[in-house]
Amino acid sequence: MPYPTVIYSLSKWQLLKACFARELLLMKRNAFIYITKVVQLGLLAVITGTVFLRTQMRVDRVHGNYYMGSLFYALLILMVNGFPELFMAISRLPVFYKQRDYCFYPAWAYAVPGFILKVPVSLTESIAWTSISYFLIGYTPEASRYCYIFIALPK
């Protein structure tokens, strides 16, 4: 009786599709967490906008410190907002190790869907934060500057 020459019983494309479906199902189950994070960011953006509210700030050293402080706070908030996602990923590791060791799927088939499906969530969070706080803080009302801030904030 010949030995099998392939490790996985499915093709690479089918493995990827199955892992995409699994990750999408897990994200649907945790939709409450993602919605709560976006609402929380929106509320924090309004609070931040009122803390740094400056309708007529000049471009000088004193007001530059206010701008830099608001940017630092935005970076800090968006980075801390990712901690629940980190906890969920770490709590899923034992299941991943077990399934990988039993040759259910390779590691890349597990990681790629998680990465791709988290990008729209991260973009939504960044858009919510930037759209609310940018104009309340009083940054330059130019579309190109808004895009620079949006790109600079962590995704």
C-alpha atoms as a PDB file:
ATOM      1  CA  MET A   1       0.000   0.000   0.000  1.00  0.00           C
ATOM      2  CA  PRO A   2       1.590   3.300  -1.077  1.00  0.00           C
ATOM      3  CA  TYR A   3       2.063   6.092   1.402  1.00  0.00           C
ATOM      4  CA  PRO A   4       0.375   9.428   0.769  1.00  0.00           C
ATOM      5  CA  THR A   5       2.626  12.079  -0.720  1.00  0.00           C
ATOM      6  CA  VAL A   6       0.676  15.132   0.428  1.00  0.00           C
ATOM      7  CA  ILE A   7       0.303  16.279   4.015  1.00  0.00           C
ATOM      8  CA  TYR A   8      -3.030  18.028   3.669  1.00  0.00           C
ATOM      9  CA  SER A   9      -6.095  16.409   2.148  1.00  0.00           C
ATOM     10  CA  LEU A  10      -7.284  19.634   0.498  1.00  0.00           C
ATOM     11  CA  SER A  11      -5.650  21.875  -2.059  1.00  0.00           C
ATOM     12  CA  LYS A  12      -4.058  25.126  -0.950  1.00  0.00           C
ATOM     13  CA  TRP A  13      -6.942  27.146  -2.353  1.00  0.00           C
ATOM     14  CA  GLN A  14      -9.536  25.056  -0.517  1.00  0.00           C
ATOM     15  CA  LEU A  15      -7.544  25.330   2.713  1.00  0.00           C
ATOM     16  CA  LEU A  16      -7.440  29.098   2.329  1.00  0.00           C
ATOM     17  CA  LYS A  17     -11.184  29.297   1.613  1.00  0.00           C
ATOM     18  CA  ALA A  18     -11.987  27.125   4.633  1.00  0.00           C
ATOM     19  CA  CYS A  19      -9.828  29.269   6.917  1.00  0.00           C
ATOM     20  CA  PHE A  20     -11.422  32.444   5.489  1.00  0.00           C
ATOM     21  CA  ALA A  21     -14.867  31.037   6.268  1.00  0.00           C
ATOM     22  CA  ARG A  22     -13.745  30.098   9.775  1.00  0.00           C
ATOM     23  CA  GLU A  23     -12.245  33.507  10.488  1.00  0.00           C
ATOM     24  CA  LEU A  24     -15.321  35.266   9.112  1.00  0.00           C
ATOM     25  CA  LEU A  25     -17.537  33.152  11.372  1.00  0.00           C
ATOM     26  CA  LEU A  26     -15.392  34.015  14.400  1.00  0.00           C
ATOM     27  CA  MET A  27     -15.565  37.705  13.526  1.00  0.00           C
ATOM     28  CA  LYS A  28     -19.363  37.514  13.210  1.00  0.00           C
ATOM     29  CA  ARG A  29     -19.543  35.878  16.631  1.00  0.00           C
ATOM     30  CA  ASN A  30     -17.410  38.673  18.094  1.00  0.00           C
ATOM     31  CA  ALA A  31     -19.219  41.475  16.242  1.00  0.00           C
ATOM     32  CA  PHE A  32     -20.294  42.985  19.552  1.00  0.00           C
ATOM     33  CA  ILE A  33     -16.647  43.577  20.466  1.00  0.00           C
ATOM     34  CA  TYR A  34     -15.860  45.278  17.167  1.00  0.00           C
ATOM     35  CA  ILE A  35     -18.963  47.484  17.317  1.00  0.00           C
ATOM     36  CA  THR A  36     -18.202  48.395  20.928  1.00  0.00           C
ATOM     37  CA  LYS A  37     -14.626  49.324  20.016  1.00  0.00           C
ATOM     38  CA  VAL A  38     -15.779  51.660  17.220  1.00  0.00           C
ATOM     39  CA  VAL A  39     -18.409  53.311  19.447  1.00  0.00           C
ATOM     40  CA  GLN A  40     -15.851  53.656  22.233  1.00  0.00           C
ATOM     41  CA  LEU A  41     -13.392  55.271  19.818  1.00  0.00           C
ATOM     42  CA  GLY A  42     -16.076  57.665  18.622  1.00  0.00           C
ATOM     43  CA  LEU A  43     -16.870  58.749  22.185  1.00  0.00           C
ATOM     44  CA  LEU A  44     -13.182  59.107  23.026  1.00  0.00           C
ATOM     45  CA  ALA A  45     -12.679  61.155  19.864  1.00  0.00           C
ATOM     46  CA  VAL A  46     -15.438  63.557  20.935  1.00  0.00           C
ATOM     47  CA  ILE A  47     -13.931  63.835  24.425  1.00  0.00           C
ATOM     48  CA  THR A  48     -10.462  64.338  22.957  1.00  0.00           C
ATOM     49  CA  GLY A  49     -11.790  66.934  20.562  1.00  0.00           C
ATOM     50  CA  THR A  50     -13.268  68.900  23.455  1.00  0.00           C
ATOM     51  CA  VAL A  51     -10.081  68.601  25.527  1.00  0.00           C
ATOM     52  CA  PHE A  52      -7.910  69.903  22.692  1.00  0.00           C
ATOM     53  CA  LEU A  53     -10.608  72.225  21.327  1.00  0.00           C
ATOM     54  CA  ARG A  54      -8.859  75.208  19.778  1.00  0.00           C
ATOM     55  CA  THR A  55     -10.775  77.112  17.169  1.00  0.00           C
ATOM     56  CA  GLN A  56      -8.078  79.706  16.463  1.00  0.00           C
ATOM     57  CA  MET A  57      -4.629  78.222  17.024  1.00  0.00           C
ATOM     58  CA  ARG A  58      -1.645  79.792  15.353  1.00  0.00           C
ATOM     59  CA  VAL A  59       1.325  77.945  13.974  1.00  0.00           C
ATOM     60  CA  ASP A  60       3.949  78.635  16.627  1.00  0.00           C
ATOM     61  CA  ARG A  61       5.897  76.739  19.257  1.00  0.00           C
ATOM     62  CA  VAL A  62       3.281  76.945  22.020  1.00  0.00           C
ATOM     63  CA  HIS A  63       0.359  75.808  19.897  1.00  0.00           C
ATOM     64  CA  GLY A  64       2.597  73.239  18.196  1.00  0.00           C
ATOM     65  CA  ASN A  65       2.895  71.508  21.561  1.00  0.00           C
ATOM     66  CA  TYR A  66      -0.905  71.211  21.687  1.00  0.00           C
ATOM     67  CA  TYR A  67      -0.932  69.673  18.224  1.00  0.00           C
ATOM     68  CA  MET A  68       1.851  67.227  19.123  1.00  0.00           C
ATOM     69  CA  GLY A  69       0.087  66.306  22.356  1.00  0.00           C
ATOM     70  CA  SER A  70      -3.124  65.539  20.510  1.00  0.00           C
ATOM     71  CA  LEU A  71      -1.246  63.414  17.963  1.00  0.00           C
ATOM     72  CA  PHE A  72       0.503  61.490  20.728  1.00  0.00           C
ATOM     73  CA  TYR A  73      -2.805  60.913  22.484  1.00  0.00           C
ATOM     74  CA  ALA A  74      -4.377  59.678  19.231  1.00  0.00           C
ATOM     75  CA  LEU A  75      -1.519  57.207  18.716  1.00  0.00           C
ATOM     76  CA  LEU A  76      -1.806  56.009  22.297  1.00  0.00           C
ATOM     77  CA  ILE A  77      -5.583  55.538  22.153  1.00  0.00           C
ATOM     78  CA  LEU A  78      -5.516  53.663  18.846  1.00  0.00           C
ATOM     79  CA  MET A  79      -2.744  51.382  20.048  1.00  0.00           C
ATOM     80  CA  VAL A  80      -4.473  50.626  23.350  1.00  0.00           C
ATOM     81  CA  ASN A  81      -7.703  49.984  21.452  1.00  0.00           C
ATOM     82  CA  GLY A  82      -6.029  46.960  19.861  1.00  0.00           C
ATOM     83  CA  PHE A  83      -5.440  45.153  23.167  1.00  0.00           C
ATOM     84  CA  PRO A  84      -8.739  43.224  23.141  1.00  0.00           C
ATOM     85  CA  GLU A  85      -7.824  41.909  19.703  1.00  0.00           C
ATOM     86  CA  LEU A  86      -4.439  40.815  21.038  1.00  0.00           C
ATOM     87  CA  PHE A  87      -6.110  38.963  23.904  1.00  0.00           C
ATOM     88  CA  MET A  88      -8.453  37.161  21.507  1.00  0.00           C
ATOM     89  CA  ALA A  89      -5.539  36.126  19.291  1.00  0.00           C
ATOM     90  CA  ILE A  90      -3.521  34.781  22.229  1.00  0.00           C
ATOM     91  CA  SER A  91      -6.494  32.884  23.635  1.00  0.00           C
ATOM     92  CA  ARG A  92      -6.919  31.137  20.260  1.00  0.00           C
ATOM     93  CA  LEU A  93      -3.305  29.947  20.076  1.00  0.00           C
ATOM     94  CA  PRO A  94      -3.747  26.568  21.855  1.00  0.00           C
ATOM     95  CA  VAL A  95      -6.465  25.603  19.357  1.00  0.00           C
ATOM     96  CA  PHE A  96      -4.257  26.731  16.474  1.00  0.00           C
ATOM     97  CA  TYR A  97      -1.266  24.697  17.723  1.00  0.00           C
ATOM     98  CA  LYS A  98      -3.394  21.593  18.168  1.00  0.00           C
ATOM     99  CA  GLN A  99      -4.982  21.853  14.718  1.00  0.00           C
ATOM    100  CA  ARG A 100      -1.648  22.635  13.064  1.00  0.00           C
ATOM    101  CA  ASP A 101       0.035  19.649  14.725  1.00  0.00           C
ATOM    102  CA  TYR A 102      -2.760  17.380  13.455  1.00  0.00           C
ATOM    103  CA  CYS A 103      -2.150  18.762   9.940  1.00  0.00           C
ATOM    104  CA  PHE A 104      -5.558  20.367   9.557  1.00  0.00           C
ATOM    105  CA  TYR A 105      -3.996  23.333   7.786  1.00  0.00           C
ATOM    106  CA  PRO A 106      -0.610  25.079   7.467  1.00  0.00           C
ATOM    107  CA  ALA A 107       0.228  28.164   9.507  1.00  0.00           C
ATOM    108  CA  TRP A 108      -0.001  30.511   6.509  1.00  0.00           C
ATOM    109  CA  ALA A 109      -3.586  29.388   5.802  1.00  0.00           C
ATOM    110  CA  TYR A 110      -4.481  30.395   9.360  1.00  0.00           C
ATOM    111  CA  ALA A 111      -2.625  33.729   9.406  1.00  0.00           C
ATOM    112  CA  VAL A 112      -3.503  35.195   5.998  1.00  0.00           C
ATOM    113  CA  PRO A 113      -7.315  35.317   6.449  1.00  0.00           C
ATOM    114  CA  GLY A 114      -6.945  36.805   9.926  1.00  0.00           C
ATOM    115  CA  PHE A 115      -4.704  39.534   8.563  1.00  0.00           C
ATOM    116  CA  ILE A 116      -6.863  40.341   5.543  1.00  0.00           C
ATOM    117  CA  LEU A 117     -10.180  40.354   7.406  1.00  0.00           C
ATOM    118  CA  LYS A 118      -8.866  42.612  10.190  1.00  0.00           C
ATOM    119  CA  VAL A 119      -7.817  45.369   7.759  1.00  0.00           C
ATOM    120  CA  PRO A 120     -11.367  46.742   7.182  1.00  0.00           C
ATOM    121  CA  VAL A 121     -11.995  46.755  10.938  1.00  0.00           C
ATOM    122  CA  SER A 122      -8.806  48.707  11.573  1.00  0.00           C
ATOM    123  CA  LEU A 123      -9.587  51.147   8.771  1.00  0.00           C
ATOM    124  CA  THR A 124     -13.075  51.697  10.201  1.00  0.00           C
ATOM    125  CA  GLU A 125     -11.615  52.460  13.618  1.00  0.00           C
ATOM    126  CA  SER A 126      -9.078  54.889  12.165  1.00  0.00           C
ATOM    127  CA  ILE A 127     -11.717  56.618  10.044  1.00  0.00           C
ATOM    128  CA  ALA A 128     -13.995  56.984  13.066  1.00  0.00           C
ATOM    129  CA  TRP A 129     -11.212  58.492  15.168  1.00  0.00           C
ATOM    130  CA  THR A 130      -9.783  60.762  12.495  1.00  0.00           C
ATOM    131  CA  SER A 131     -13.101  62.026  11.164  1.00  0.00           C
ATOM    132  CA  ILE A 132     -14.342  63.097  14.575  1.00  0.00           C
ATOM    133  CA  SER A 133     -11.197  64.361  16.254  1.00  0.00           C
ATOM    134  CA  TYR A 134      -9.488  66.019  13.269  1.00  0.00           C
ATOM    135  CA  PHE A 135     -11.904  68.892  12.901  1.00  0.00           C
ATOM    136  CA  LEU A 136     -12.669  69.285  16.602  1.00  0.00           C
ATOM    137  CA  ILE A 137      -8.991  69.710  17.417  1.00  0.00           C
ATOM    138  CA  GLY A 138      -8.610  72.288  14.694  1.00  0.00           C
ATOM    139  CA  TYR A 139      -6.030  70.842  12.359  1.00  0.00           C
ATOM    140  CA  THR A 140      -5.626  72.410   8.936  1.00  0.00           C
ATOM    141  CA  PRO A 141      -8.865  71.886   6.965  1.00  0.00           C
ATOM    142  CA  GLU A 142      -7.202  70.529   3.829  1.00  0.00           C
ATOM    143  CA  ALA A 143      -7.979  67.138   2.330  1.00  0.00           C
ATOM    144  CA  SER A 144      -4.305  66.276   1.823  1.00  0.00           C
ATOM    145  CA  ARG A 145      -3.453  66.996   5.474  1.00  0.00           C
ATOM    146  CA  TYR A 146      -6.414  64.919   6.610  1.00  0.00           C
ATOM    147  CA  CYS A 147      -5.115  62.027   4.508  1.00  0.00           C
ATOM    148  CA  TYR A 148      -1.621  62.413   6.001  1.00  0.00           C
ATOM    149  CA  ILE A 149      -3.003  62.163   9.539  1.00  0.00           C
ATOM    150  CA  PHE A 150      -5.175  59.199   8.581  1.00  0.00           C
ATOM    151  CA  ILE A 151      -2.191  57.383   7.063  1.00  0.00           C
ATOM    152  CA  ALA A 152       0.076  58.232  10.017  1.00  0.00           C
ATOM    153  CA  LEU A 153      -2.267  56.784  12.628  1.00  0.00           C
ATOM    154  CA  PRO A 154      -1.847  53.067  13.383  1.00  0.00           C
ATOM    155  CA  LYS A 155      -4.045  50.611  11.609  1.00  0.00           C
END
